[in-house]
């Protein structure tokens, strides 16, 4: 888990509006994005202050890269510097969140022409292993958030309800975005999957 004094960028998720006319989506001329909400520090709740922009890319169908300028904001209470990602950018993943969701749901496979080479089979297998690795934690974390922020009652913590499956049914296409937002915006993080074969 991260300490309260952060020395490196930590992601949080926010709603953005992308201006696709502002650039070419290249590293030299990235697309600009306008933040649609005032993000708060996931550790202390204070509204974050603008610091600067950094470039971040995502891969879409066919492995095409699109570059964006995303905001970095600092916590005035000293909790650290945070990258404010759009919800289509998953922390520490290069592919669009919708593609990752499609792989996890089985609707995006290497048998589909647009995805036959990108992402590769190995990447798809890693994403599936990543979500399995984090499933118990995600369910526990969502229950904790429900109890702390939405006063759902302590009985939720002891219930056998699978909140991830519930989200998949309710949100269908955006369930992974919802999970990532809930976990990262309340100070949590998901464990990276480390392939044991190297």
C-alpha atoms as a PDB file:
ATOM      1  CA  UNK A   1       0.000   0.000   0.000  1.00  0.00           C
ATOM      2  CA  UNK A   2       1.151   3.545  -0.672  1.00  0.00           C
ATOM      3  CA  UNK A   3       2.322   5.797   2.109  1.00  0.00           C
ATOM      4  CA  UNK A   4       0.630   9.111   2.782  1.00  0.00           C
ATOM      5  CA  UNK A   5       3.725  11.032   1.663  1.00  0.00           C
ATOM      6  CA  UNK A   6       3.952  10.166  -1.981  1.00  0.00           C
ATOM      7  CA  UNK A   7       7.156  10.725  -3.869  1.00  0.00           C
ATOM      8  CA  UNK A   8       5.857   9.563  -7.235  1.00  0.00           C
ATOM      9  CA  UNK A   9       2.771  10.162  -9.331  1.00  0.00           C
ATOM     10  CA  UNK A  10      -0.290   8.210  -8.250  1.00  0.00           C
ATOM     11  CA  UNK A  11      -3.273   7.973 -10.598  1.00  0.00           C
ATOM     12  CA  UNK A  12      -6.831   8.951  -9.879  1.00  0.00           C
ATOM     13  CA  UNK A  13      -9.689   8.818 -12.341  1.00  0.00           C
ATOM     14  CA  UNK A  14     -11.867  11.725 -13.497  1.00  0.00           C
ATOM     15  CA  UNK A  15     -14.276  12.705 -16.233  1.00  0.00           C
ATOM     16  CA  UNK A  16     -12.664  14.509 -19.156  1.00  0.00           C
ATOM     17  CA  UNK A  17     -13.847  15.901 -22.446  1.00  0.00           C
ATOM     18  CA  UNK A  18     -11.343  15.234 -25.223  1.00  0.00           C
ATOM     19  CA  UNK A  19     -10.791  17.908 -27.857  1.00  0.00           C
ATOM     20  CA  UNK A  20      -9.949  15.785 -30.901  1.00  0.00           C
ATOM     21  CA  UNK A  21      -9.425  18.993 -32.952  1.00  0.00           C
ATOM     22  CA  UNK A  22      -6.653  20.255 -30.633  1.00  0.00           C
ATOM     23  CA  UNK A  23      -3.869  18.056 -31.973  1.00  0.00           C
ATOM     24  CA  UNK A  24      -3.060  15.026 -34.045  1.00  0.00           C
ATOM     25  CA  UNK A  25      -2.870  12.475 -31.238  1.00  0.00           C
ATOM     26  CA  UNK A  26       0.887  12.140 -31.704  1.00  0.00           C
ATOM     27  CA  UNK A  27       3.544  12.544 -29.023  1.00  0.00           C
ATOM     28  CA  UNK A  28       4.535  15.900 -30.553  1.00  0.00           C
ATOM     29  CA  UNK A  29       0.926  17.095 -30.921  1.00  0.00           C
ATOM     30  CA  UNK A  30      -1.199  15.268 -28.338  1.00  0.00           C
ATOM     31  CA  UNK A  31      -4.929  15.712 -27.921  1.00  0.00           C
ATOM     32  CA  UNK A  32      -5.892  18.155 -25.180  1.00  0.00           C
ATOM     33  CA  UNK A  33      -8.439  17.170 -22.567  1.00  0.00           C
ATOM     34  CA  UNK A  34     -10.619  19.371 -20.392  1.00  0.00           C
ATOM     35  CA  UNK A  35     -11.297  18.160 -16.863  1.00  0.00           C
ATOM     36  CA  UNK A  36     -15.052  18.097 -16.163  1.00  0.00           C
ATOM     37  CA  UNK A  37     -14.820  17.782 -12.390  1.00  0.00           C
ATOM     38  CA  UNK A  38     -12.676  19.007  -9.523  1.00  0.00           C
ATOM     39  CA  UNK A  39     -10.744  15.972  -8.309  1.00  0.00           C
ATOM     40  CA  UNK A  40     -10.110  15.476  -4.611  1.00  0.00           C
ATOM     41  CA  UNK A  41      -7.192  13.842  -2.861  1.00  0.00           C
ATOM     42  CA  UNK A  42      -8.015  10.154  -2.244  1.00  0.00           C
ATOM     43  CA  UNK A  43      -6.174  10.303   1.091  1.00  0.00           C
ATOM     44  CA  UNK A  44      -7.512  13.457   2.765  1.00  0.00           C
ATOM     45  CA  UNK A  45     -10.409  14.676   0.576  1.00  0.00           C
ATOM     46  CA  UNK A  46      -8.977  18.149  -0.154  1.00  0.00           C
ATOM     47  CA  UNK A  47      -9.515  19.565  -3.659  1.00  0.00           C
ATOM     48  CA  UNK A  48      -6.319  19.089  -5.688  1.00  0.00           C
ATOM     49  CA  UNK A  49      -4.414  22.015  -7.209  1.00  0.00           C
ATOM     50  CA  UNK A  50      -3.177  22.093 -10.815  1.00  0.00           C
ATOM     51  CA  UNK A  51       0.578  21.499 -11.272  1.00  0.00           C
ATOM     52  CA  UNK A  52       1.255  20.729 -14.937  1.00  0.00           C
ATOM     53  CA  UNK A  53       0.477  18.409 -17.848  1.00  0.00           C
ATOM     54  CA  UNK A  54       2.191  15.180 -18.885  1.00  0.00           C
ATOM     55  CA  UNK A  55       1.789  13.061 -21.993  1.00  0.00           C
ATOM     56  CA  UNK A  56       0.091   9.678 -21.772  1.00  0.00           C
ATOM     57  CA  UNK A  57      -0.838   7.323 -24.575  1.00  0.00           C
ATOM     58  CA  UNK A  58      -3.445   4.672 -25.086  1.00  0.00           C
ATOM     59  CA  UNK A  59      -3.596   1.931 -27.661  1.00  0.00           C
ATOM     60  CA  UNK A  60      -6.801   1.357 -29.567  1.00  0.00           C
ATOM     61  CA  UNK A  61      -7.839  -1.178 -32.208  1.00  0.00           C
ATOM     62  CA  UNK A  62      -4.918  -2.416 -34.310  1.00  0.00           C
ATOM     63  CA  UNK A  63      -2.385  -1.221 -31.740  1.00  0.00           C
ATOM     64  CA  UNK A  64      -2.663   2.410 -32.900  1.00  0.00           C
ATOM     65  CA  UNK A  65      -1.330   4.849 -30.275  1.00  0.00           C
ATOM     66  CA  UNK A  66      -3.135   8.065 -29.386  1.00  0.00           C
ATOM     67  CA  UNK A  67      -1.380  10.622 -27.162  1.00  0.00           C
ATOM     68  CA  UNK A  68      -3.145  12.876 -24.666  1.00  0.00           C
ATOM     69  CA  UNK A  69      -2.115  15.638 -22.292  1.00  0.00           C
ATOM     70  CA  UNK A  70      -3.314  14.744 -18.802  1.00  0.00           C
ATOM     71  CA  UNK A  71      -3.201  16.898 -15.718  1.00  0.00           C
ATOM     72  CA  UNK A  72      -1.001  16.380 -12.707  1.00  0.00           C
ATOM     73  CA  UNK A  73      -2.355  17.887  -9.526  1.00  0.00           C
ATOM     74  CA  UNK A  74      -0.908  18.205  -6.057  1.00  0.00           C
ATOM     75  CA  UNK A  75      -2.555  17.905  -2.697  1.00  0.00           C
ATOM     76  CA  UNK A  76      -2.289  21.192  -0.738  1.00  0.00           C
ATOM     77  CA  UNK A  77      -2.242  19.120   2.482  1.00  0.00           C
ATOM     78  CA  UNK A  78       0.987  17.440   1.356  1.00  0.00           C
ATOM     79  CA  UNK A  79      -0.268  13.987   0.403  1.00  0.00           C
ATOM     80  CA  UNK A  80       1.549  14.076  -2.931  1.00  0.00           C
ATOM     81  CA  UNK A  81       1.373  14.532  -6.675  1.00  0.00           C
ATOM     82  CA  UNK A  82      -1.371  12.742  -8.594  1.00  0.00           C
ATOM     83  CA  UNK A  83      -1.966  12.073 -12.273  1.00  0.00           C
ATOM     84  CA  UNK A  84      -5.585  12.653 -13.180  1.00  0.00           C
ATOM     85  CA  UNK A  85      -6.441  10.023 -15.780  1.00  0.00           C
ATOM     86  CA  UNK A  86      -9.538   9.923 -17.955  1.00  0.00           C
ATOM     87  CA  UNK A  87     -11.685   6.857 -17.307  1.00  0.00           C
ATOM     88  CA  UNK A  88     -10.684   5.367 -20.657  1.00  0.00           C
ATOM     89  CA  UNK A  89      -7.079   5.168 -19.380  1.00  0.00           C
ATOM     90  CA  UNK A  90      -6.513   2.352 -16.897  1.00  0.00           C
ATOM     91  CA  UNK A  91      -3.673   2.937 -14.435  1.00  0.00           C
ATOM     92  CA  UNK A  92      -0.482   1.164 -15.538  1.00  0.00           C
ATOM     93  CA  UNK A  93      -2.128  -0.241 -18.681  1.00  0.00           C
ATOM     94  CA  UNK A  94      -1.536   1.054 -22.200  1.00  0.00           C
ATOM     95  CA  UNK A  95      -4.711  -0.153 -23.896  1.00  0.00           C
ATOM     96  CA  UNK A  96      -8.058   1.618 -23.805  1.00  0.00           C
ATOM     97  CA  UNK A  97     -10.131   0.447 -20.819  1.00  0.00           C
ATOM     98  CA  UNK A  98     -12.965  -0.623 -23.158  1.00  0.00           C
ATOM     99  CA  UNK A  99     -10.602  -3.038 -24.966  1.00  0.00           C
ATOM    100  CA  UNK A 100      -9.426  -4.498 -21.635  1.00  0.00           C
ATOM    101  CA  UNK A 101     -13.071  -4.879 -20.545  1.00  0.00           C
ATOM    102  CA  UNK A 102     -13.883  -6.611 -23.841  1.00  0.00           C
ATOM    103  CA  UNK A 103     -11.023  -9.078 -23.332  1.00  0.00           C
ATOM    104  CA  UNK A 104     -12.160  -9.808 -19.760  1.00  0.00           C
ATOM    105  CA  UNK A 105     -15.758 -10.285 -20.948  1.00  0.00           C
ATOM    106  CA  UNK A 106     -14.688 -12.481 -23.879  1.00  0.00           C
ATOM    107  CA  UNK A 107     -16.060 -10.114 -26.558  1.00  0.00           C
ATOM    108  CA  UNK A 108     -12.557  -9.116 -27.756  1.00  0.00           C
ATOM    109  CA  UNK A 109     -10.394 -12.012 -28.901  1.00  0.00           C
ATOM    110  CA  UNK A 110      -7.520 -12.519 -31.320  1.00  0.00           C
ATOM    111  CA  UNK A 111     -10.029 -14.130 -33.699  1.00  0.00           C
ATOM    112  CA  UNK A 112     -11.589 -10.710 -34.383  1.00  0.00           C
ATOM    113  CA  UNK A 113      -9.835  -9.025 -37.323  1.00  0.00           C
ATOM    114  CA  UNK A 114      -9.308  -5.641 -35.595  1.00  0.00           C
ATOM    115  CA  UNK A 115      -7.652  -7.391 -32.634  1.00  0.00           C
ATOM    116  CA  UNK A 116      -5.784 -10.271 -34.298  1.00  0.00           C
ATOM    117  CA  UNK A 117      -2.356  -8.790 -33.462  1.00  0.00           C
ATOM    118  CA  UNK A 118      -3.055  -6.046 -30.906  1.00  0.00           C
ATOM    119  CA  UNK A 119      -3.354  -6.809 -28.070  1.00  0.00           C
ATOM    120  CA  UNK A 120      -1.425 -10.046 -28.384  1.00  0.00           C
ATOM    121  CA  UNK A 121      -2.585 -13.311 -26.775  1.00  0.00           C
ATOM    122  CA  UNK A 122       0.023 -13.007 -24.004  1.00  0.00           C
ATOM    123  CA  UNK A 123      -1.260  -9.536 -23.038  1.00  0.00           C
ATOM    124  CA  UNK A 124      -4.853 -10.816 -23.010  1.00  0.00           C
ATOM    125  CA  UNK A 125      -3.827 -13.719 -20.759  1.00  0.00           C
ATOM    126  CA  UNK A 126      -2.048 -11.295 -18.387  1.00  0.00           C
ATOM    127  CA  UNK A 127      -5.168  -9.105 -18.112  1.00  0.00           C
ATOM    128  CA  UNK A 128      -7.301 -12.133 -17.256  1.00  0.00           C
ATOM    129  CA  UNK A 129      -4.777 -13.256 -14.637  1.00  0.00           C
ATOM    130  CA  UNK A 130      -4.612  -9.653 -13.306  1.00  0.00           C
ATOM    131  CA  UNK A 131      -8.369  -9.453 -12.706  1.00  0.00           C
ATOM    132  CA  UNK A 132      -8.442 -12.926 -11.083  1.00  0.00           C
ATOM    133  CA  UNK A 133      -5.529 -11.932  -8.825  1.00  0.00           C
ATOM    134  CA  UNK A 134      -7.452  -8.828  -7.677  1.00  0.00           C
ATOM    135  CA  UNK A 135     -11.018 -10.223  -7.565  1.00  0.00           C
ATOM    136  CA  UNK A 136     -11.212 -10.936  -3.825  1.00  0.00           C
ATOM    137  CA  UNK A 137      -9.579  -7.591  -3.032  1.00  0.00           C
ATOM    138  CA  UNK A 138     -11.931  -5.706  -5.383  1.00  0.00           C
ATOM    139  CA  UNK A 139     -15.018  -7.274  -3.797  1.00  0.00           C
ATOM    140  CA  UNK A 140     -13.745  -6.479  -0.299  1.00  0.00           C
ATOM    141  CA  UNK A 141     -12.787  -2.960  -1.328  1.00  0.00           C
ATOM    142  CA  UNK A 142     -16.162  -2.259  -2.942  1.00  0.00           C
ATOM    143  CA  UNK A 143     -17.894  -3.523   0.214  1.00  0.00           C
ATOM    144  CA  UNK A 144     -15.695  -1.249   2.326  1.00  0.00           C
ATOM    145  CA  UNK A 145     -16.505   1.753   0.133  1.00  0.00           C
ATOM    146  CA  UNK A 146     -20.206   0.892   0.304  1.00  0.00           C
ATOM    147  CA  UNK A 147     -20.101   0.758   4.099  1.00  0.00           C
ATOM    148  CA  UNK A 148     -17.940   3.882   4.599  1.00  0.00           C
ATOM    149  CA  UNK A 149     -19.350   6.190   1.945  1.00  0.00           C
ATOM    150  CA  UNK A 150     -22.874   4.980   1.351  1.00  0.00           C
ATOM    151  CA  UNK A 151     -23.856   3.741   4.840  1.00  0.00           C
ATOM    152  CA  UNK A 152     -24.846   0.313   3.496  1.00  0.00           C
ATOM    153  CA  UNK A 153     -24.440  -1.342   6.879  1.00  0.00           C
ATOM    154  CA  UNK A 154     -21.879  -3.725   8.311  1.00  0.00           C
ATOM    155  CA  UNK A 155     -23.893  -6.773   7.175  1.00  0.00           C
ATOM    156  CA  UNK A 156     -22.573  -6.085   3.663  1.00  0.00           C
ATOM    157  CA  UNK A 157     -19.030  -6.913   4.839  1.00  0.00           C
ATOM    158  CA  UNK A 158     -20.095 -10.410   5.924  1.00  0.00           C
ATOM    159  CA  UNK A 159     -22.385 -11.117   3.002  1.00  0.00           C
ATOM    160  CA  UNK A 160     -21.446 -13.487   0.194  1.00  0.00           C
ATOM    161  CA  UNK A 161     -22.625 -10.941  -2.408  1.00  0.00           C
ATOM    162  CA  UNK A 162     -20.231 -10.722  -5.363  1.00  0.00           C
ATOM    163  CA  UNK A 163     -20.228  -6.994  -6.145  1.00  0.00           C
ATOM    164  CA  UNK A 164     -18.054  -7.434  -9.249  1.00  0.00           C
ATOM    165  CA  UNK A 165     -20.653  -9.721 -10.841  1.00  0.00           C
ATOM    166  CA  UNK A 166     -23.375  -7.275  -9.798  1.00  0.00           C
ATOM    167  CA  UNK A 167     -21.486  -4.430 -11.480  1.00  0.00           C
ATOM    168  CA  UNK A 168     -20.983  -6.496 -14.629  1.00  0.00           C
ATOM    169  CA  UNK A 169     -24.738  -7.021 -14.859  1.00  0.00           C
ATOM    170  CA  UNK A 170     -25.631  -3.425 -14.011  1.00  0.00           C
ATOM    171  CA  UNK A 171     -22.905  -1.534 -15.849  1.00  0.00           C
ATOM    172  CA  UNK A 172     -22.301  -4.097 -18.647  1.00  0.00           C
ATOM    173  CA  UNK A 173     -19.684  -2.178 -20.681  1.00  0.00           C
ATOM    174  CA  UNK A 174     -18.364   0.187 -17.998  1.00  0.00           C
ATOM    175  CA  UNK A 175     -17.942  -2.173 -15.033  1.00  0.00           C
ATOM    176  CA  UNK A 176     -14.119  -2.053 -15.130  1.00  0.00           C
ATOM    177  CA  UNK A 177     -14.138   1.770 -15.331  1.00  0.00           C
ATOM    178  CA  UNK A 178     -16.420   1.860 -12.283  1.00  0.00           C
ATOM    179  CA  UNK A 179     -14.173  -0.508 -10.309  1.00  0.00           C
ATOM    180  CA  UNK A 180     -10.990   1.376 -11.177  1.00  0.00           C
ATOM    181  CA  UNK A 181     -12.576   4.707 -10.256  1.00  0.00           C
ATOM    182  CA  UNK A 182     -13.882   3.354  -6.920  1.00  0.00           C
ATOM    183  CA  UNK A 183     -10.573   1.752  -5.942  1.00  0.00           C
ATOM    184  CA  UNK A 184      -8.095   4.448  -7.019  1.00  0.00           C
ATOM    185  CA  UNK A 185     -10.193   7.482  -6.068  1.00  0.00           C
ATOM    186  CA  UNK A 186     -10.496   6.275  -2.475  1.00  0.00           C
ATOM    187  CA  UNK A 187      -6.766   5.661  -1.990  1.00  0.00           C
ATOM    188  CA  UNK A 188      -6.562   2.006  -3.044  1.00  0.00           C
ATOM    189  CA  UNK A 189      -4.690   0.315  -5.853  1.00  0.00           C
ATOM    190  CA  UNK A 190      -4.778  -2.976  -7.717  1.00  0.00           C
ATOM    191  CA  UNK A 191      -1.899  -5.433  -7.606  1.00  0.00           C
ATOM    192  CA  UNK A 192      -0.003  -5.806 -10.878  1.00  0.00           C
ATOM    193  CA  UNK A 193       0.167  -9.310 -12.313  1.00  0.00           C
ATOM    194  CA  UNK A 194       3.700 -10.633 -12.560  1.00  0.00           C
ATOM    195  CA  UNK A 195       4.003 -13.498 -15.003  1.00  0.00           C
ATOM    196  CA  UNK A 196       5.896 -16.301 -13.205  1.00  0.00           C
ATOM    197  CA  UNK A 197       7.356 -17.520 -16.510  1.00  0.00           C
ATOM    198  CA  UNK A 198       9.108 -14.179 -17.012  1.00  0.00           C
END
